[in-house]
Amino acid sequence: STPSAACCTTALPAPASFLFVPESTPCQPGTVSWPRHRHFLDPPLIPRFLPGLIALAAAFPAAHAQASRDWSTTVAITGVMQSEADLGGGGQMKADSLGVRAGIATALTPTFRAGLALNAQTVDYRFSGVAQAPWSDIERIGLSAPMSQGYAGGWVALFNPSIDLIREKGAASSDSLVWGATLAGMKAFAIDQRIGFGAAVYRRFEKTVAFPLLVIDWNLGQGWSLANPLTAGPTGPAGLELRYQLAPRWQAGLGAAYRSLAFRLDEGQAGRVGAVGIESGIPVFARASYALTQDVSLDFVAGVVTMGRLELQNAGGDKLSKRDLGTSALGGISLRGSF
């Protein structure tokens, strides 16, 4: 038989500066109970965009209420705080993030499903003990179009193009675009045992970046499962999370992922014409999720960011400076709903 296709996302709060996930990962559908339904968690939005995003998410299903297609809507609000981290050479850095995401999806045919996701995010960077802060507040607005096609034998092809504006406030919008796509193939061995591989390619300002992908949602039995905690995209792969169902309404997880975020800098400072800032690191986190209702859940996350690094590149992509970051703590909370 030929399986139908679905669009869904696994995503969890990462460090404040890594909560940029306009991408969503379509996956093979199935009858999924709350403990295994996906999170639109990782992506936050600038508060001023919230009314428009919610209106967008609500308008599509309402407009098609009389149609036979199955529309789904997902909205999430996420806040994360990252504690002070020591900078190599002296000084400290901390960051807070707040955002919202809205997504819609529908089955266009029995085997093909497509959606749209709109998100924005702001990150408030604060530096101390340095002569001059390398950057201040970063903002991001993104649009993605995840889609999936089901085939016989339990196979699903996943494709997710996206375009994002990622910049320090004040930087030119026309110079701050990042675009690309993820492509993967997934095999369903059972309704709750799916695994696949693929690749992501993105044009990140003056450079093209690419990396392999592991897509997994695997029930290990006895309440345990292994899945991707984040969505793959221009910030990096999706990582891995080990999950355990504590109770009907409670789920716990332990995960990690590599993240690398690049953004165009404001040219207000001397010597920064066309410059790009990059923050990278590995968030390691524990999560507890509570289902308020069948459709609304709260997620609590605590952890650390390790192997952090700040980098400054010129307009040609050449490295101007690099500073290591000490380990910092992070905490986050996300309210999400799927309708």
C-alpha atoms as a PDB file:
ATOM      1  CA  SER A   1       0.000   0.000   0.000  1.00  0.00           C
ATOM      2  CA  THR A   2       1.048   3.629  -0.448  1.00  0.00           C
ATOM      3  CA  PRO A   3       1.262   5.629   2.770  1.00  0.00           C
ATOM      4  CA  SER A   4      -0.169   9.086   3.138  1.00  0.00           C
ATOM      5  CA  ALA A   5       2.252  11.903   3.962  1.00  0.00           C
ATOM      6  CA  ALA A   6       2.289  14.317   6.851  1.00  0.00           C
ATOM      7  CA  CYS A   7       4.115  17.451   7.956  1.00  0.00           C
ATOM      8  CA  CYS A   8       5.189  17.607  11.554  1.00  0.00           C
ATOM      9  CA  THR A   9       8.002  18.957  13.664  1.00  0.00           C
ATOM     10  CA  THR A  10      10.064  17.887  16.617  1.00  0.00           C
ATOM     11  CA  ALA A  11      11.645  20.895  18.254  1.00  0.00           C
ATOM     12  CA  LEU A  12      12.734  21.874  21.719  1.00  0.00           C
ATOM     13  CA  PRO A  13      14.085  25.049  23.260  1.00  0.00           C
ATOM     14  CA  ALA A  14      17.844  25.348  22.852  1.00  0.00           C
ATOM     15  CA  PRO A  15      20.064  28.179  24.065  1.00  0.00           C
ATOM     16  CA  ALA A  16      18.448  31.593  23.701  1.00  0.00           C
ATOM     17  CA  SER A  17      20.577  32.466  20.704  1.00  0.00           C
ATOM     18  CA  PHE A  18      19.846  29.153  18.981  1.00  0.00           C
ATOM     19  CA  LEU A  19      16.046  29.377  19.068  1.00  0.00           C
ATOM     20  CA  PHE A  20      15.871  29.970  15.336  1.00  0.00           C
ATOM     21  CA  VAL A  21      13.953  27.249  13.625  1.00  0.00           C
ATOM     22  CA  PRO A  22      11.801  28.337  10.691  1.00  0.00           C
ATOM     23  CA  GLU A  23      12.220  24.867   9.258  1.00  0.00           C
ATOM     24  CA  SER A  24       9.870  22.012   9.994  1.00  0.00           C
ATOM     25  CA  THR A  25      10.482  18.353   9.339  1.00  0.00           C
ATOM     26  CA  PRO A  26       7.719  16.458   7.552  1.00  0.00           C
ATOM     27  CA  CYS A  27       7.448  12.835   8.546  1.00  0.00           C
ATOM     28  CA  GLN A  28       5.500   9.685   7.953  1.00  0.00           C
ATOM     29  CA  PRO A  29       2.040   9.867   9.536  1.00  0.00           C
ATOM     30  CA  GLY A  30       0.417   7.522  11.961  1.00  0.00           C
ATOM     31  CA  THR A  31      -2.059   7.415  14.784  1.00  0.00           C
ATOM     32  CA  VAL A  32      -0.024   9.376  17.303  1.00  0.00           C
ATOM     33  CA  SER A  33      -1.022   9.838  20.938  1.00  0.00           C
ATOM     34  CA  TRP A  34      -0.029  12.959  22.891  1.00  0.00           C
ATOM     35  CA  PRO A  35       3.234  11.551  24.228  1.00  0.00           C
ATOM     36  CA  ARG A  36       4.561  11.209  20.684  1.00  0.00           C
ATOM     37  CA  HIS A  37       3.062  14.197  18.903  1.00  0.00           C
ATOM     38  CA  ARG A  38       5.509  16.728  17.597  1.00  0.00           C
ATOM     39  CA  HIS A  39       6.582  20.024  19.165  1.00  0.00           C
ATOM     40  CA  PHE A  40       6.715  23.378  17.365  1.00  0.00           C
ATOM     41  CA  LEU A  41       9.039  24.444  20.155  1.00  0.00           C
ATOM     42  CA  ASP A  42      12.374  25.563  18.941  1.00  0.00           C
ATOM     43  CA  PRO A  43      11.233  28.614  16.970  1.00  0.00           C
ATOM     44  CA  PRO A  44      10.439  31.876  18.700  1.00  0.00           C
ATOM     45  CA  LEU A  45       9.010  35.138  17.333  1.00  0.00           C
ATOM     46  CA  ILE A  46       9.249  38.854  17.865  1.00  0.00           C
ATOM     47  CA  PRO A  47       6.219  39.818  19.993  1.00  0.00           C
ATOM     48  CA  ARG A  48       4.972  42.503  17.601  1.00  0.00           C
ATOM     49  CA  PHE A  49       4.357  39.822  14.958  1.00  0.00           C
ATOM     50  CA  LEU A  50       2.204  37.670  17.247  1.00  0.00           C
ATOM     51  CA  PRO A  51      -1.273  38.997  16.244  1.00  0.00           C
ATOM     52  CA  GLY A  52      -0.548  38.605  12.545  1.00  0.00           C
ATOM     53  CA  LEU A  53       0.919  35.131  12.939  1.00  0.00           C
ATOM     54  CA  ILE A  54      -2.036  33.858  14.948  1.00  0.00           C
ATOM     55  CA  ALA A  55      -4.433  35.407  12.448  1.00  0.00           C
ATOM     56  CA  LEU A  56      -2.582  33.726   9.591  1.00  0.00           C
ATOM     57  CA  ALA A  57      -2.656  30.373  11.320  1.00  0.00           C
ATOM     58  CA  ALA A  58      -6.366  30.649  12.074  1.00  0.00           C
ATOM     59  CA  ALA A  59      -7.470  32.027   8.725  1.00  0.00           C
ATOM     60  CA  PHE A  60      -6.484  29.105   6.512  1.00  0.00           C
ATOM     61  CA  PRO A  61      -8.340  26.336   8.337  1.00  0.00           C
ATOM     62  CA  ALA A  62     -11.406  28.561   8.713  1.00  0.00           C
ATOM     63  CA  ALA A  63     -11.428  29.407   5.037  1.00  0.00           C
ATOM     64  CA  HIS A  64     -11.324  25.737   4.153  1.00  0.00           C
ATOM     65  CA  ALA A  65     -13.645  24.430   6.840  1.00  0.00           C
ATOM     66  CA  GLN A  66     -16.093  23.223   4.228  1.00  0.00           C
ATOM     67  CA  ALA A  67     -13.432  21.461   2.171  1.00  0.00           C
ATOM     68  CA  SER A  68     -12.623  17.795   2.463  1.00  0.00           C
ATOM     69  CA  ARG A  69      -8.943  18.419   3.165  1.00  0.00           C
ATOM     70  CA  ASP A  70      -7.625  17.958   6.678  1.00  0.00           C
ATOM     71  CA  TRP A  71      -6.117  21.263   7.806  1.00  0.00           C
ATOM     72  CA  SER A  72      -3.982  21.498  10.939  1.00  0.00           C
ATOM     73  CA  THR A  73      -2.709  24.587  12.740  1.00  0.00           C
ATOM     74  CA  THR A  74       0.159  24.892  15.209  1.00  0.00           C
ATOM     75  CA  VAL A  75       1.130  27.908  17.322  1.00  0.00           C
ATOM     76  CA  ALA A  76       3.945  28.125  19.897  1.00  0.00           C
ATOM     77  CA  ILE A  77       5.318  30.819  22.184  1.00  0.00           C
ATOM     78  CA  THR A  78       8.796  30.247  23.591  1.00  0.00           C
ATOM     79  CA  GLY A  79      11.081  32.103  25.974  1.00  0.00           C
ATOM     80  CA  VAL A  80      14.641  31.118  26.924  1.00  0.00           C
ATOM     81  CA  MET A  81      17.296  32.605  29.193  1.00  0.00           C
ATOM     82  CA  GLN A  82      20.990  31.812  28.849  1.00  0.00           C
ATOM     83  CA  SER A  83      23.237  32.703  31.799  1.00  0.00           C
ATOM     84  CA  GLU A  84      26.556  34.505  31.637  1.00  0.00           C
ATOM     85  CA  ALA A  85      29.368  32.693  29.847  1.00  0.00           C
ATOM     86  CA  ASP A  86      33.017  33.677  30.172  1.00  0.00           C
ATOM     87  CA  LEU A  87      34.671  34.926  27.001  1.00  0.00           C
ATOM     88  CA  GLY A  88      38.165  33.819  26.104  1.00  0.00           C
ATOM     89  CA  GLY A  89      40.438  36.791  26.639  1.00  0.00           C
ATOM     90  CA  GLY A  90      38.150  38.346  29.248  1.00  0.00           C
ATOM     91  CA  GLY A  91      34.562  39.484  29.577  1.00  0.00           C
ATOM     92  CA  GLN A  92      31.168  37.774  29.694  1.00  0.00           C
ATOM     93  CA  MET A  93      28.151  37.253  27.452  1.00  0.00           C
ATOM     94  CA  LYS A  94      24.531  36.362  28.214  1.00  0.00           C
ATOM     95  CA  ALA A  95      21.409  36.208  26.029  1.00  0.00           C
ATOM     96  CA  ASP A  96      17.619  36.069  26.314  1.00  0.00           C
ATOM     97  CA  SER A  97      15.186  35.096  23.580  1.00  0.00           C
ATOM     98  CA  LEU A  98      11.451  35.396  22.994  1.00  0.00           C
ATOM     99  CA  GLY A  99       9.368  34.327  20.035  1.00  0.00           C
ATOM    100  CA  VAL A 100       6.276  32.822  18.451  1.00  0.00           C
ATOM    101  CA  ARG A 101       5.643  30.499  15.530  1.00  0.00           C
ATOM    102  CA  ALA A 102       2.555  29.735  13.469  1.00  0.00           C
ATOM    103  CA  GLY A 103       2.216  26.877  10.986  1.00  0.00           C
ATOM    104  CA  ILE A 104      -0.478  25.334   8.830  1.00  0.00           C
ATOM    105  CA  ALA A 105      -0.525  22.058   6.884  1.00  0.00           C
ATOM    106  CA  THR A 106      -2.950  20.033   4.791  1.00  0.00           C
ATOM    107  CA  ALA A 107      -3.119  16.863   2.703  1.00  0.00           C
ATOM    108  CA  LEU A 108      -3.321  17.902  -0.940  1.00  0.00           C
ATOM    109  CA  THR A 109      -3.616  14.281  -2.069  1.00  0.00           C
ATOM    110  CA  PRO A 110      -3.798  10.976  -0.145  1.00  0.00           C
ATOM    111  CA  THR A 111       0.008  10.700  -0.342  1.00  0.00           C
ATOM    112  CA  PHE A 112       1.176  14.324  -0.498  1.00  0.00           C
ATOM    113  CA  ARG A 113       1.055  16.817   2.368  1.00  0.00           C
ATOM    114  CA  ALA A 114       2.297  20.420   2.398  1.00  0.00           C
ATOM    115  CA  GLY A 115       2.384  23.330   4.774  1.00  0.00           C
ATOM    116  CA  LEU A 116       3.609  26.840   5.511  1.00  0.00           C
ATOM    117  CA  ALA A 117       5.361  28.070   8.644  1.00  0.00           C
ATOM    118  CA  LEU A 118       5.978  31.712   9.505  1.00  0.00           C
ATOM    119  CA  ASN A 119       8.182  32.678  12.422  1.00  0.00           C
ATOM    120  CA  ALA A 120      10.238  35.512  13.836  1.00  0.00           C
ATOM    121  CA  GLN A 121      12.581  35.839  16.772  1.00  0.00           C
ATOM    122  CA  THR A 122      14.528  38.373  18.729  1.00  0.00           C
ATOM    123  CA  VAL A 123      17.617  37.657  20.852  1.00  0.00           C
ATOM    124  CA  ASP A 124      18.879  40.200  23.373  1.00  0.00           C
ATOM    125  CA  TYR A 125      22.670  39.845  23.698  1.00  0.00           C
ATOM    126  CA  ARG A 126      24.414  41.514  26.636  1.00  0.00           C
ATOM    127  CA  PHE A 127      28.217  41.767  26.908  1.00  0.00           C
ATOM    128  CA  SER A 128      30.181  42.947  29.926  1.00  0.00           C
ATOM    129  CA  GLY A 129      33.863  43.398  30.673  1.00  0.00           C
ATOM    130  CA  VAL A 130      34.741  44.041  27.011  1.00  0.00           C
ATOM    131  CA  ALA A 131      35.948  47.228  25.349  1.00  0.00           C
ATOM    132  CA  GLN A 132      33.307  46.967  22.635  1.00  0.00           C
ATOM    133  CA  ALA A 133      30.422  44.528  22.218  1.00  0.00           C
ATOM    134  CA  PRO A 134      30.744  42.567  18.934  1.00  0.00           C
ATOM    135  CA  TRP A 135      26.966  42.886  18.381  1.00  0.00           C
ATOM    136  CA  SER A 136      23.759  43.659  20.251  1.00  0.00           C
ATOM    137  CA  ASP A 137      20.228  42.468  19.427  1.00  0.00           C
ATOM    138  CA  ILE A 138      19.612  39.928  16.659  1.00  0.00           C
ATOM    139  CA  GLU A 139      16.309  39.480  14.846  1.00  0.00           C
ATOM    140  CA  ARG A 140      15.103  36.808  12.500  1.00  0.00           C
ATOM    141  CA  ILE A 141      12.019  36.378  10.340  1.00  0.00           C
ATOM    142  CA  GLY A 142      11.543  33.217   8.290  1.00  0.00           C
ATOM    143  CA  LEU A 143       9.155  31.442   5.964  1.00  0.00           C
ATOM    144  CA  SER A 144       9.339  27.735   5.149  1.00  0.00           C
ATOM    145  CA  ALA A 145       7.212  25.340   3.098  1.00  0.00           C
ATOM    146  CA  PRO A 146       7.627  21.764   4.432  1.00  0.00           C
ATOM    147  CA  MET A 147       6.206  18.997   2.295  1.00  0.00           C
ATOM    148  CA  SER A 148       6.242  15.209   2.208  1.00  0.00           C
ATOM    149  CA  GLN A 149       5.370  12.542  -0.361  1.00  0.00           C
ATOM    150  CA  GLY A 150       4.484   9.002   0.630  1.00  0.00           C
ATOM    151  CA  TYR A 151       5.417   5.941  -1.419  1.00  0.00           C
ATOM    152  CA  ALA A 152       4.758   2.208  -1.304  1.00  0.00           C
ATOM    153  CA  GLY A 153       6.637   0.138   1.237  1.00  0.00           C
ATOM    154  CA  GLY A 154       6.521   2.761   3.991  1.00  0.00           C
ATOM    155  CA  TRP A 155       8.870   5.235   2.270  1.00  0.00           C
ATOM    156  CA  VAL A 156       8.428   9.012   2.549  1.00  0.00           C
ATOM    157  CA  ALA A 157      10.379  11.781   0.806  1.00  0.00           C
ATOM    158  CA  LEU A 158      10.810  14.971   2.848  1.00  0.00           C
ATOM    159  CA  PHE A 159      11.560  18.390   1.347  1.00  0.00           C
ATOM    160  CA  ASN A 160      11.627  21.727   3.143  1.00  0.00           C
ATOM    161  CA  PRO A 161      12.757  24.932   1.380  1.00  0.00           C
ATOM    162  CA  SER A 162      13.072  28.070   3.478  1.00  0.00           C
ATOM    163  CA  ILE A 163      14.178  31.688   3.358  1.00  0.00           C
ATOM    164  CA  ASP A 164      15.161  33.764   6.383  1.00  0.00           C
ATOM    165  CA  LEU A 165      16.206  37.279   7.188  1.00  0.00           C
ATOM    166  CA  ILE A 166      18.806  37.068   9.993  1.00  0.00           C
ATOM    167  CA  ARG A 167      20.486  40.283  11.096  1.00  0.00           C
ATOM    168  CA  GLU A 168      21.625  42.525  13.856  1.00  0.00           C
ATOM    169  CA  LYS A 169      19.097  45.312  14.268  1.00  0.00           C
ATOM    170  CA  GLY A 170      20.045  48.084  11.874  1.00  0.00           C
ATOM    171  CA  ALA A 171      21.679  45.857   9.237  1.00  0.00           C
ATOM    172  CA  ALA A 172      20.369  46.101   5.677  1.00  0.00           C
ATOM    173  CA  SER A 173      17.595  43.591   4.945  1.00  0.00           C
ATOM    174  CA  SER A 174      18.765  43.030   1.379  1.00  0.00           C
ATOM    175  CA  ASP A 175      22.143  41.776   2.661  1.00  0.00           C
ATOM    176  CA  SER A 176      20.732  39.556   5.408  1.00  0.00           C
ATOM    177  CA  LEU A 177      18.998  36.697   3.593  1.00  0.00           C
ATOM    178  CA  VAL A 178      19.738  33.005   4.168  1.00  0.00           C
ATOM    179  CA  TRP A 179      18.041  30.472   1.893  1.00  0.00           C
ATOM    180  CA  GLY A 180      18.209  26.781   1.094  1.00  0.00           C
ATOM    181  CA  ALA A 181      16.489  23.473   1.787  1.00  0.00           C
ATOM    182  CA  THR A 182      16.609  20.105   3.509  1.00  0.00           C
ATOM    183  CA  LEU A 183      15.933  16.861   1.637  1.00  0.00           C
ATOM    184  CA  ALA A 184      15.633  13.427   3.195  1.00  0.00           C
ATOM    185  CA  GLY A 185      14.167   9.969   2.707  1.00  0.00           C
ATOM    186  CA  MET A 186      12.489   8.131   5.606  1.00  0.00           C
ATOM    187  CA  LYS A 187      11.479   4.487   5.963  1.00  0.00           C
ATOM    188  CA  ALA A 188       8.658   3.442   8.318  1.00  0.00           C
ATOM    189  CA  PHE A 189       9.237  -0.034   9.731  1.00  0.00           C
ATOM    190  CA  ALA A 190       6.194   0.448  11.969  1.00  0.00           C
ATOM    191  CA  ILE A 191       3.847   3.323  12.828  1.00  0.00           C
ATOM    192  CA  ASP A 192       6.180   4.377  15.664  1.00  0.00           C
ATOM    193  CA  GLN A 193       9.513   3.239  14.230  1.00  0.00           C
ATOM    194  CA  ARG A 194      10.800   5.527  11.473  1.00  0.00           C
ATOM    195  CA  ILE A 195      14.301   6.450  10.412  1.00  0.00           C
ATOM    196  CA  GLY A 196      15.824   8.273   7.468  1.00  0.00           C
ATOM    197  CA  PHE A 197      18.843  10.120   6.101  1.00  0.00           C
ATOM    198  CA  GLY A 198      19.329  13.201   3.992  1.00  0.00           C
ATOM    199  CA  ALA A 199      21.240  16.452   3.558  1.00  0.00           C
ATOM    200  CA  ALA A 200      20.806  20.191   4.040  1.00  0.00           C
ATOM    201  CA  VAL A 201      22.287  22.890   1.807  1.00  0.00           C
ATOM    202  CA  TYR A 202      22.029  26.624   2.565  1.00  0.00           C
ATOM    203  CA  ARG A 203      23.405  29.798   1.071  1.00  0.00           C
ATOM    204  CA  ARG A 204      24.480  31.633   4.214  1.00  0.00           C
ATOM    205  CA  PHE A 205      25.461  35.103   3.046  1.00  0.00           C
ATOM    206  CA  GLU A 206      28.755  34.743   1.133  1.00  0.00           C
ATOM    207  CA  LYS A 207      29.189  31.044   1.905  1.00  0.00           C
ATOM    208  CA  THR A 208      27.359  27.805   1.081  1.00  0.00           C
ATOM    209  CA  VAL A 209      27.075  25.371   3.991  1.00  0.00           C
ATOM    210  CA  ALA A 210      25.992  21.720   3.815  1.00  0.00           C
ATOM    211  CA  PHE A 211      25.681  18.879   6.320  1.00  0.00           C
ATOM    212  CA  PRO A 212      24.163  15.369   6.524  1.00  0.00           C
ATOM    213  CA  LEU A 213      20.891  14.646   8.346  1.00  0.00           C
ATOM    214  CA  LEU A 214      19.608  11.825  10.521  1.00  0.00           C
ATOM    215  CA  VAL A 215      15.804  11.835  10.815  1.00  0.00           C
ATOM    216  CA  ILE A 216      14.477   9.485  13.498  1.00  0.00           C
ATOM    217  CA  ASP A 217      11.340   8.752  15.504  1.00  0.00           C
ATOM    218  CA  TRP A 218      11.819   5.322  17.065  1.00  0.00           C
ATOM    219  CA  ASN A 219       9.817   3.649  19.821  1.00  0.00           C
ATOM    220  CA  LEU A 220      12.215   1.614  21.974  1.00  0.00           C
ATOM    221  CA  GLY A 221       9.455   0.037  24.074  1.00  0.00           C
ATOM    222  CA  GLN A 222       8.568   0.289  27.769  1.00  0.00           C
ATOM    223  CA  GLY A 223       7.829   4.019  27.416  1.00  0.00           C
ATOM    224  CA  TRP A 224      11.207   4.882  25.849  1.00  0.00           C
ATOM    225  CA  SER A 225      11.784   6.473  22.442  1.00  0.00           C
ATOM    226  CA  LEU A 226      14.524   8.202  20.425  1.00  0.00           C
ATOM    227  CA  ALA A 227      13.763  11.249  18.270  1.00  0.00           C
ATOM    228  CA  ASN A 228      15.128  14.530  16.902  1.00  0.00           C
ATOM    229  CA  PRO A 229      14.750  17.328  19.463  1.00  0.00           C
ATOM    230  CA  LEU A 230      15.305  20.207  17.001  1.00  0.00           C
ATOM    231  CA  THR A 231      14.461  20.846  13.382  1.00  0.00           C
ATOM    232  CA  ALA A 232      17.304  20.765  10.878  1.00  0.00           C
ATOM    233  CA  GLY A 233      17.979  23.980   9.018  1.00  0.00           C
ATOM    234  CA  PRO A 234      20.555  26.729   8.452  1.00  0.00           C
ATOM    235  CA  THR A 235      21.533  26.559  12.137  1.00  0.00           C
ATOM    236  CA  GLY A 236      22.567  22.890  11.923  1.00  0.00           C
ATOM    237  CA  PRO A 237      21.403  19.259  12.233  1.00  0.00           C
ATOM    238  CA  ALA A 238      18.450  18.129  14.342  1.00  0.00           C
ATOM    239  CA  GLY A 239      20.306  16.416  17.189  1.00  0.00           C
ATOM    240  CA  LEU A 240      19.086  13.456  19.254  1.00  0.00           C
ATOM    241  CA  GLU A 241      16.834  13.134  22.307  1.00  0.00           C
ATOM    242  CA  LEU A 242      16.071  10.105  24.471  1.00  0.00           C
ATOM    243  CA  ARG A 243      12.478  10.333  25.769  1.00  0.00           C
ATOM    244  CA  TYR A 244      10.534   8.589  28.503  1.00  0.00           C
ATOM    245  CA  GLN A 245       6.807   8.639  29.169  1.00  0.00           C
ATOM    246  CA  LEU A 246       6.511   9.285  32.912  1.00  0.00           C
ATOM    247  CA  ALA A 247       2.701   9.383  33.098  1.00  0.00           C
ATOM    248  CA  PRO A 248      -0.263   9.943  30.752  1.00  0.00           C
ATOM    249  CA  ARG A 249       0.298  13.723  30.877  1.00  0.00           C
ATOM    250  CA  TRP A 250       4.050  13.874  31.569  1.00  0.00           C
ATOM    251  CA  GLN A 251       7.016  13.183  29.289  1.00  0.00           C
ATOM    252  CA  ALA A 252      10.737  13.660  30.007  1.00  0.00           C
ATOM    253  CA  GLY A 253      13.678  13.911  27.644  1.00  0.00           C
ATOM    254  CA  LEU A 254      17.468  14.231  27.558  1.00  0.00           C
ATOM    255  CA  GLY A 255      19.116  15.493  24.398  1.00  0.00           C
ATOM    256  CA  ALA A 256      21.879  17.414  22.642  1.00  0.00           C
ATOM    257  CA  ALA A 257      22.560  19.029  19.264  1.00  0.00           C
ATOM    258  CA  TYR A 258      25.177  21.125  17.475  1.00  0.00           C
ATOM    259  CA  ARG A 259      24.057  24.631  16.499  1.00  0.00           C
ATOM    260  CA  SER A 260      25.747  27.357  14.444  1.00  0.00           C
ATOM    261  CA  LEU A 261      23.954  30.670  13.911  1.00  0.00           C
ATOM    262  CA  ALA A 262      25.202  33.314  11.466  1.00  0.00           C
ATOM    263  CA  PHE A 263      23.773  36.830  11.104  1.00  0.00           C
ATOM    264  CA  ARG A 264      24.582  39.982   9.178  1.00  0.00           C
ATOM    265  CA  LEU A 265      25.995  42.787  11.345  1.00  0.00           C
ATOM    266  CA  ASP A 266      25.070  46.454  11.355  1.00  0.00           C
ATOM    267  CA  GLU A 267      27.653  48.536   9.509  1.00  0.00           C
ATOM    268  CA  GLY A 268      27.520  51.317  12.115  1.00  0.00           C
ATOM    269  CA  GLN A 269      30.833  50.271  13.658  1.00  0.00           C
ATOM    270  CA  ALA A 270      34.087  50.963  11.811  1.00  0.00           C
ATOM    271  CA  GLY A 271      35.520  48.034   9.857  1.00  0.00           C
ATOM    272  CA  ARG A 272      32.260  46.066   9.800  1.00  0.00           C
ATOM    273  CA  VAL A 273      31.042  46.713   6.240  1.00  0.00           C
ATOM    274  CA  GLY A 274      29.439  43.439   5.142  1.00  0.00           C
ATOM    275  CA  ALA A 275      30.634  41.652   8.291  1.00  0.00           C
ATOM    276  CA  VAL A 276      28.941  38.498   9.668  1.00  0.00           C
ATOM    277  CA  GLY A 277      28.727  37.332  13.277  1.00  0.00           C
ATOM    278  CA  ILE A 278      28.548  33.631  14.159  1.00  0.00           C
ATOM    279  CA  GLU A 279      27.700  31.922  17.434  1.00  0.00           C
ATOM    280  CA  SER A 280      28.105  28.153  17.706  1.00  0.00           C
ATOM    281  CA  GLY A 281      27.933  25.570  20.470  1.00  0.00           C
ATOM    282  CA  ILE A 282      26.397  22.338  21.715  1.00  0.00           C
ATOM    283  CA  PRO A 283      23.290  22.654  23.924  1.00  0.00           C
ATOM    284  CA  VAL A 284      22.788  19.680  26.265  1.00  0.00           C
ATOM    285  CA  PHE A 285      19.393  19.733  27.956  1.00  0.00           C
ATOM    286  CA  ALA A 286      16.764  17.957  30.012  1.00  0.00           C
ATOM    287  CA  ARG A 287      13.070  18.490  29.236  1.00  0.00           C
ATOM    288  CA  ALA A 288       9.773  17.925  31.051  1.00  0.00           C
ATOM    289  CA  SER A 289       6.508  18.321  29.115  1.00  0.00           C
ATOM    290  CA  TYR A 290       2.988  18.476  30.552  1.00  0.00           C
ATOM    291  CA  ALA A 291      -0.217  18.138  28.495  1.00  0.00           C
ATOM    292  CA  LEU A 292      -2.717  20.734  29.732  1.00  0.00           C
ATOM    293  CA  THR A 293      -5.308  19.376  27.306  1.00  0.00           C
ATOM    294  CA  GLN A 294      -5.248  17.048  24.314  1.00  0.00           C
ATOM    295  CA  ASP A 295      -4.145  19.991  22.117  1.00  0.00           C
ATOM    296  CA  VAL A 296      -2.195  22.323  24.444  1.00  0.00           C
ATOM    297  CA  SER A 297       1.077  21.541  26.243  1.00  0.00           C
ATOM    298  CA  LEU A 298       3.770  23.205  28.339  1.00  0.00           C
ATOM    299  CA  ASP A 299       7.451  22.352  27.960  1.00  0.00           C
ATOM    300  CA  PHE A 300      10.132  23.129  30.558  1.00  0.00           C
ATOM    301  CA  VAL A 301      13.800  22.872  29.617  1.00  0.00           C
ATOM    302  CA  ALA A 302      17.036  23.239  31.607  1.00  0.00           C
ATOM    303  CA  GLY A 303      20.595  22.510  30.550  1.00  0.00           C
ATOM    304  CA  VAL A 304      23.972  23.898  29.548  1.00  0.00           C
ATOM    305  CA  VAL A 305      25.677  25.191  26.410  1.00  0.00           C
ATOM    306  CA  THR A 306      29.117  23.685  25.914  1.00  0.00           C
ATOM    307  CA  MET A 307      31.967  24.238  23.430  1.00  0.00           C
ATOM    308  CA  GLY A 308      30.606  27.693  22.583  1.00  0.00           C
ATOM    309  CA  ARG A 309      32.375  30.043  20.211  1.00  0.00           C
ATOM    310  CA  LEU A 310      31.914  33.559  18.816  1.00  0.00           C
ATOM    311  CA  GLU A 311      33.359  34.416  15.418  1.00  0.00           C
ATOM    312  CA  LEU A 312      33.538  37.537  13.276  1.00  0.00           C
ATOM    313  CA  GLN A 313      33.977  37.294   9.489  1.00  0.00           C
ATOM    314  CA  ASN A 314      34.452  39.979   6.854  1.00  0.00           C
ATOM    315  CA  ALA A 315      32.345  40.438   3.723  1.00  0.00           C
ATOM    316  CA  GLY A 316      34.438  37.845   1.893  1.00  0.00           C
ATOM    317  CA  GLY A 317      33.897  35.160   4.528  1.00  0.00           C
ATOM    318  CA  ASP A 318      37.423  35.445   5.966  1.00  0.00           C
ATOM    319  CA  LYS A 319      37.827  35.093   9.735  1.00  0.00           C
ATOM    320  CA  LEU A 320      38.574  38.383  11.515  1.00  0.00           C
ATOM    321  CA  SER A 321      38.421  37.153  15.111  1.00  0.00           C
ATOM    322  CA  LYS A 322      37.378  34.165  17.214  1.00  0.00           C
ATOM    323  CA  ARG A 323      36.662  33.847  20.939  1.00  0.00           C
ATOM    324  CA  ASP A 324      35.745  30.749  22.916  1.00  0.00           C
ATOM    325  CA  LEU A 325      32.775  30.763  25.293  1.00  0.00           C
ATOM    326  CA  GLY A 326      32.746  29.064  28.667  1.00  0.00           C
ATOM    327  CA  THR A 327      29.930  26.712  29.643  1.00  0.00           C
ATOM    328  CA  SER A 328      26.687  28.527  30.488  1.00  0.00           C
ATOM    329  CA  ALA A 329      23.330  27.451  31.915  1.00  0.00           C
ATOM    330  CA  LEU A 330      20.043  27.757  30.049  1.00  0.00           C
ATOM    331  CA  GLY A 331      16.383  27.568  30.989  1.00  0.00           C
ATOM    332  CA  GLY A 332      13.276  27.806  28.868  1.00  0.00           C
ATOM    333  CA  ILE A 333       9.518  27.421  28.754  1.00  0.00           C
ATOM    334  CA  SER A 334       7.216  26.963  25.778  1.00  0.00           C
ATOM    335  CA  LEU A 335       3.436  26.964  25.414  1.00  0.00           C
ATOM    336  CA  ARG A 336       2.266  25.186  22.260  1.00  0.00           C
ATOM    337  CA  GLY A 337      -1.010  24.211  20.724  1.00  0.00           C
ATOM    338  CA  SER A 338      -2.046  22.047  17.785  1.00  0.00           C
ATOM    339  CA  PHE A 339      -5.554  22.426  16.380  1.00  0.00           C
END
